[in-house]
């Protein structure tokens, strides 16, 4: 387990990736993780940033926390790769949203379909929900469907080569957008420059914090990983191997 370079008291904000960091892909946060996050919220501000949409945050994260808590005033949510920010004001209020226009969505989806054909992607016999999802500020492609079980996702593209082939083809078609891999079977498309670095900078602006006061924790901080852009912001970053590793890290911090 990697550890932050400084103690928890040095940070005013701890940012977490969701899938693979706080919970397995598209799965709920378990009771132990929920308890650790709630303890952390009594000590500092916490933000969650992920490629999933707000409804996914509700089912995967919020529904695992106590129904109401004053600690929620210390919690911030950044769905769809940081294209949106939600803050607690007695309920969850959207603070900004980098929405795609209808024309942008149409271009992304048509180009994505062309890239799937060009790279010989064949949808599996059994799909678990829609493959292409319009999340308002992000278009997401999930090769097995949005609700595929972890067991199926783990074996589909373990070395990321299938998605990289599709993503590279798509990047050539729509260079004005950001195309990146997310989770185990997903490709996310947003406006140019919208990634976790964008989300972190929006948090800095929103909370009036400098990078020296922020800690980022994620499972994909390696080159090409969807957490990697966080490193460009200058915040302290800690790589974890999965939710159990994150629990060990939180216990050491708390």
Protein backbone atom coordinates (compact mmCIF):
# COMPACT_ATOMS: atom_id res chain seq x y z
CA UNK A 1 0.00 0.00 0.00
CA UNK A 2 1.33 3.43 -0.97
CA UNK A 3 0.92 6.23 1.55
CA UNK A 4 0.51 9.99 1.14
CA UNK A 5 3.68 12.03 1.61
CA UNK A 6 2.02 13.98 4.45
CA UNK A 7 -0.45 13.29 7.30
CA UNK A 8 -4.20 13.82 6.88
CA UNK A 9 -4.03 17.12 8.78
CA UNK A 10 -2.03 18.59 5.87
CA UNK A 11 -5.02 18.26 3.52
CA UNK A 12 -8.25 20.25 3.29
CA UNK A 13 -9.70 17.98 0.60
CA UNK A 14 -9.36 14.28 -0.22
CA UNK A 15 -10.56 13.27 -3.70
CA UNK A 16 -11.41 9.67 -4.58
CA UNK A 17 -11.99 7.86 -7.81
CA UNK A 18 -15.02 5.55 -7.44
CA UNK A 19 -14.79 2.37 -9.56
CA UNK A 20 -11.83 0.24 -8.53
CA UNK A 21 -10.99 2.62 -5.67
CA UNK A 22 -13.98 2.85 -3.32
CA UNK A 23 -15.92 -0.06 -4.83
CA UNK A 24 -15.63 -2.71 -7.54
CA UNK A 25 -16.81 -1.56 -10.97
CA UNK A 26 -20.48 -0.42 -10.93
CA UNK A 27 -20.94 -2.09 -7.52
CA UNK A 28 -22.15 -0.49 -4.27
CA UNK A 29 -19.71 0.74 -1.65
CA UNK A 30 -19.67 -1.86 1.15
CA UNK A 31 -20.55 -1.04 4.81
CA UNK A 32 -16.92 -0.92 5.97
CA UNK A 33 -15.95 1.56 3.25
CA UNK A 34 -19.07 3.62 3.96
CA UNK A 35 -18.10 3.85 7.63
CA UNK A 36 -14.53 4.89 6.79
CA UNK A 37 -15.74 7.60 4.38
CA UNK A 38 -18.16 8.94 7.00
CA UNK A 39 -15.31 9.12 9.55
CA UNK A 40 -13.16 10.95 7.01
CA UNK A 41 -15.98 13.46 6.41
CA UNK A 42 -15.83 14.48 10.08
CA UNK A 43 -12.20 15.50 9.60
CA UNK A 44 -11.96 17.02 6.10
CA UNK A 45 -13.79 17.68 2.86
CA UNK A 46 -14.17 14.72 0.50
CA UNK A 47 -14.92 14.65 -3.24
CA UNK A 48 -15.79 11.67 -5.45
CA UNK A 49 -15.03 11.87 -9.18
CA UNK A 50 -15.95 9.18 -11.70
CA UNK A 51 -17.09 8.60 -15.26
CA UNK A 52 -20.52 7.41 -14.09
CA UNK A 53 -23.55 9.67 -14.22
CA UNK A 54 -25.30 11.10 -11.15
CA UNK A 55 -27.84 8.22 -11.00
CA UNK A 56 -24.88 5.82 -10.82
CA UNK A 57 -23.45 7.84 -7.91
CA UNK A 58 -26.78 7.47 -6.12
CA UNK A 59 -27.03 3.69 -6.47
CA UNK A 60 -23.32 2.96 -6.04
CA UNK A 61 -22.32 5.45 -3.35
CA UNK A 62 -24.99 7.67 -1.80
CA UNK A 63 -27.45 4.86 -1.04
CA UNK A 64 -24.72 3.14 0.98
CA UNK A 65 -24.32 6.14 3.30
CA UNK A 66 -26.64 7.16 6.18
CA UNK A 67 -29.87 8.70 4.90
CA UNK A 68 -29.03 12.16 6.21
CA UNK A 69 -25.91 13.56 7.77
CA UNK A 70 -24.51 17.00 8.53
CA UNK A 71 -21.22 15.58 7.25
CA UNK A 72 -22.68 15.77 3.73
CA UNK A 73 -21.80 19.47 3.81
CA UNK A 74 -18.19 18.23 3.50
CA UNK A 75 -19.01 15.94 0.55
CA UNK A 76 -18.81 16.92 -3.13
CA UNK A 77 -19.75 14.76 -6.12
CA UNK A 78 -18.29 15.04 -9.63
CA UNK A 79 -20.08 12.67 -12.02
CA UNK A 80 -19.27 12.10 -15.70
CA UNK A 81 -15.52 12.64 -15.33
CA UNK A 82 -15.87 16.01 -13.60
CA UNK A 83 -18.20 17.56 -16.18
CA UNK A 84 -20.66 18.20 -13.33
CA UNK A 85 -20.35 19.20 -9.68
CA UNK A 86 -22.94 18.57 -6.95
CA UNK A 87 -22.84 20.11 -3.47
CA UNK A 88 -25.11 19.43 -0.47
CA UNK A 89 -27.51 22.22 0.47
CA UNK A 90 -30.08 20.14 2.35
CA UNK A 91 -30.26 18.16 -0.90
CA UNK A 92 -27.88 17.65 -3.80
CA UNK A 93 -27.58 20.77 -5.98
CA UNK A 94 -25.84 20.93 -9.34
CA UNK A 95 -23.19 23.70 -9.31
CA UNK A 96 -22.10 23.50 -12.96
CA UNK A 97 -22.49 21.24 -15.98
CA UNK A 98 -20.42 21.11 -19.18
CA UNK A 99 -23.29 19.87 -21.36
CA UNK A 100 -22.74 18.59 -24.89
CA UNK A 101 -24.93 20.20 -27.55
CA UNK A 102 -27.32 18.02 -29.61
CA UNK A 103 -25.04 18.47 -32.65
CA UNK A 104 -21.98 17.40 -30.65
CA UNK A 105 -23.78 14.34 -29.32
CA UNK A 106 -24.90 13.36 -32.80
CA UNK A 107 -21.36 13.65 -34.17
CA UNK A 108 -19.86 11.66 -31.29
CA UNK A 109 -22.41 8.84 -31.51
CA UNK A 110 -22.24 8.53 -35.31
CA UNK A 111 -18.43 8.58 -35.22
CA UNK A 112 -18.40 6.00 -32.42
CA UNK A 113 -20.61 3.67 -34.46
CA UNK A 114 -18.29 4.09 -37.45
CA UNK A 115 -15.26 3.25 -35.28
CA UNK A 116 -16.97 0.14 -33.91
CA UNK A 117 -17.53 -1.07 -37.47
CA UNK A 118 -14.03 -0.11 -38.60
CA UNK A 119 -12.40 -2.01 -35.73
CA UNK A 120 -14.64 -5.07 -36.17
CA UNK A 121 -16.32 -4.82 -32.80
CA UNK A 122 -19.04 -7.45 -32.49
CA UNK A 123 -21.53 -7.05 -29.67
CA UNK A 124 -21.73 -10.16 -27.48
CA UNK A 125 -24.78 -12.40 -27.74
CA UNK A 126 -25.87 -11.31 -24.27
CA UNK A 127 -25.88 -7.57 -23.57
CA UNK A 128 -26.55 -6.07 -20.15
CA UNK A 129 -28.34 -2.83 -21.03
CA UNK A 130 -27.53 -0.23 -23.67
CA UNK A 131 -24.01 -0.08 -25.09
CA UNK A 132 -24.11 3.68 -25.83
CA UNK A 133 -25.41 6.02 -23.12
CA UNK A 134 -26.04 9.77 -23.35
CA UNK A 135 -25.09 11.19 -19.95
CA UNK A 136 -25.72 14.79 -20.99
CA UNK A 137 -22.18 16.03 -20.55
CA UNK A 138 -20.59 12.76 -21.67
CA UNK A 139 -21.26 9.94 -24.14
CA UNK A 140 -20.22 6.55 -22.76
CA UNK A 141 -19.74 3.28 -24.62
CA UNK A 142 -19.87 0.10 -22.54
CA UNK A 143 -18.94 -2.96 -24.60
CA UNK A 144 -21.11 -5.40 -22.64
CA UNK A 145 -23.85 -2.94 -21.70
CA UNK A 146 -24.12 -0.49 -18.82
CA UNK A 147 -25.13 -3.13 -16.26
CA UNK A 148 -22.77 -6.00 -17.05
CA UNK A 149 -21.64 -8.11 -14.06
CA UNK A 150 -18.07 -7.74 -12.88
CA UNK A 151 -17.23 -11.34 -13.77
CA UNK A 152 -18.06 -10.71 -17.43
CA UNK A 153 -16.26 -7.35 -17.51
CA UNK A 154 -13.05 -8.69 -15.96
CA UNK A 155 -12.45 -11.12 -18.81
CA UNK A 156 -13.50 -9.00 -21.80
CA UNK A 157 -10.57 -6.56 -22.09
CA UNK A 158 -8.08 -7.22 -19.27
CA UNK A 159 -5.13 -5.67 -21.13
CA UNK A 160 -7.20 -2.71 -22.48
CA UNK A 161 -6.18 -3.47 -26.10
CA UNK A 162 -9.73 -3.91 -27.44
CA UNK A 163 -10.82 -0.52 -26.17
CA UNK A 164 -7.57 1.20 -27.14
CA UNK A 165 -8.07 0.02 -30.72
CA UNK A 166 -11.58 1.49 -30.80
CA UNK A 167 -10.55 4.67 -28.96
CA UNK A 168 -7.58 5.37 -31.23
CA UNK A 169 -9.78 5.03 -34.30
CA UNK A 170 -12.36 7.34 -32.73
CA UNK A 171 -9.76 9.94 -31.69
CA UNK A 172 -8.73 10.29 -35.33
CA UNK A 173 -12.35 10.95 -36.31
CA UNK A 174 -13.21 13.47 -33.58
CA UNK A 175 -9.96 15.15 -32.44
CA UNK A 176 -11.96 18.05 -31.01
CA UNK A 177 -13.24 15.78 -28.20
CA UNK A 178 -11.51 13.84 -25.42
CA UNK A 179 -11.77 10.04 -25.75
CA UNK A 180 -10.52 7.93 -22.84
CA UNK A 181 -10.94 4.53 -21.25
CA UNK A 182 -12.92 4.16 -18.04
CA UNK A 183 -13.61 1.21 -15.75
CA UNK A 184 -13.16 -2.22 -17.35
CA UNK A 185 -15.24 -2.07 -20.55
CA UNK A 186 -16.04 1.61 -21.05
CA UNK A 187 -14.94 4.44 -23.36
CA UNK A 188 -15.98 7.96 -22.28
CA UNK A 189 -16.20 10.94 -24.65
CA UNK A 190 -16.43 14.55 -23.42
CA UNK A 191 -15.57 18.06 -24.57
CA UNK A 192 -11.85 18.65 -25.09
CA UNK A 193 -9.90 19.12 -21.87
CA UNK A 194 -12.61 17.61 -19.68
CA UNK A 195 -11.00 14.99 -17.48
CA UNK A 196 -10.14 14.49 -13.82
CA UNK A 197 -7.61 17.34 -13.98
CA UNK A 198 -10.46 19.62 -15.08
CA UNK A 199 -12.58 18.38 -12.18
CA UNK A 200 -9.78 18.95 -9.68
CA UNK A 201 -9.21 22.50 -10.92
CA UNK A 202 -12.95 23.22 -10.68
CA UNK A 203 -12.83 22.00 -7.07
CA UNK A 204 -9.85 24.26 -6.36
CA UNK A 205 -11.85 27.19 -7.73
CA UNK A 206 -15.06 26.21 -5.93
CA UNK A 207 -13.37 25.69 -2.54
CA UNK A 208 -10.65 28.33 -3.01
CA UNK A 209 -7.91 25.78 -2.34
CA UNK A 210 -4.43 25.39 -3.77
CA UNK A 211 -3.05 22.02 -4.92
CA UNK A 212 -0.84 21.77 -1.81
CA UNK A 213 -3.95 21.15 0.28
CA UNK A 214 -5.42 18.35 -1.85
CA UNK A 215 -4.89 14.57 -1.89
CA UNK A 216 -6.09 12.39 -4.79
CA UNK A 217 -6.57 8.61 -4.39
CA UNK A 218 -7.20 6.37 -7.39
CA UNK A 219 -6.50 2.96 -8.91
CA UNK A 220 -5.55 4.14 -12.43
CA UNK A 221 -2.83 6.77 -11.97
CA UNK A 222 -0.57 5.00 -14.47
CA UNK A 223 0.12 6.42 -17.96
CA UNK A 224 -3.09 6.00 -19.98
CA UNK A 225 -5.23 5.39 -16.91
CA UNK A 226 -8.30 7.58 -16.41
CA UNK A 227 -6.88 8.90 -13.10
CA UNK A 228 -3.54 9.88 -14.70
CA UNK A 229 -4.61 13.48 -15.54
CA UNK A 230 -4.81 14.18 -11.80
CA UNK A 231 -1.00 14.15 -11.68
CA UNK A 232 -0.82 17.19 -13.97
CA UNK A 233 -2.57 19.36 -11.35
CA UNK A 234 0.27 19.14 -8.83
CA UNK A 235 -1.88 17.62 -6.06
CA UNK A 236 -0.48 14.74 -4.02
CA UNK A 237 -1.55 11.45 -5.62
CA UNK A 238 -1.69 7.95 -4.15
CA UNK A 239 -2.17 4.81 -6.27
CA UNK A 240 -4.24 2.00 -4.73
CA UNK A 241 -4.68 -1.57 -5.96
CA UNK A 242 -8.43 -1.73 -5.21
CA UNK A 243 -11.06 -1.08 -2.52
CA UNK A 244 -9.34 -3.23 0.12
CA UNK A 245 -6.12 -1.26 -0.41
CA UNK A 246 -8.12 1.98 -0.06
CA UNK A 247 -9.58 0.76 3.23
CA UNK A 248 -6.08 0.05 4.58
CA UNK A 249 -4.96 3.51 3.46
CA UNK A 250 -7.94 5.22 5.14
CA UNK A 251 -7.36 3.32 8.37
CA UNK A 252 -3.76 4.49 8.39
CA UNK A 253 -4.83 8.10 7.75
CA UNK A 254 -7.59 8.08 10.35
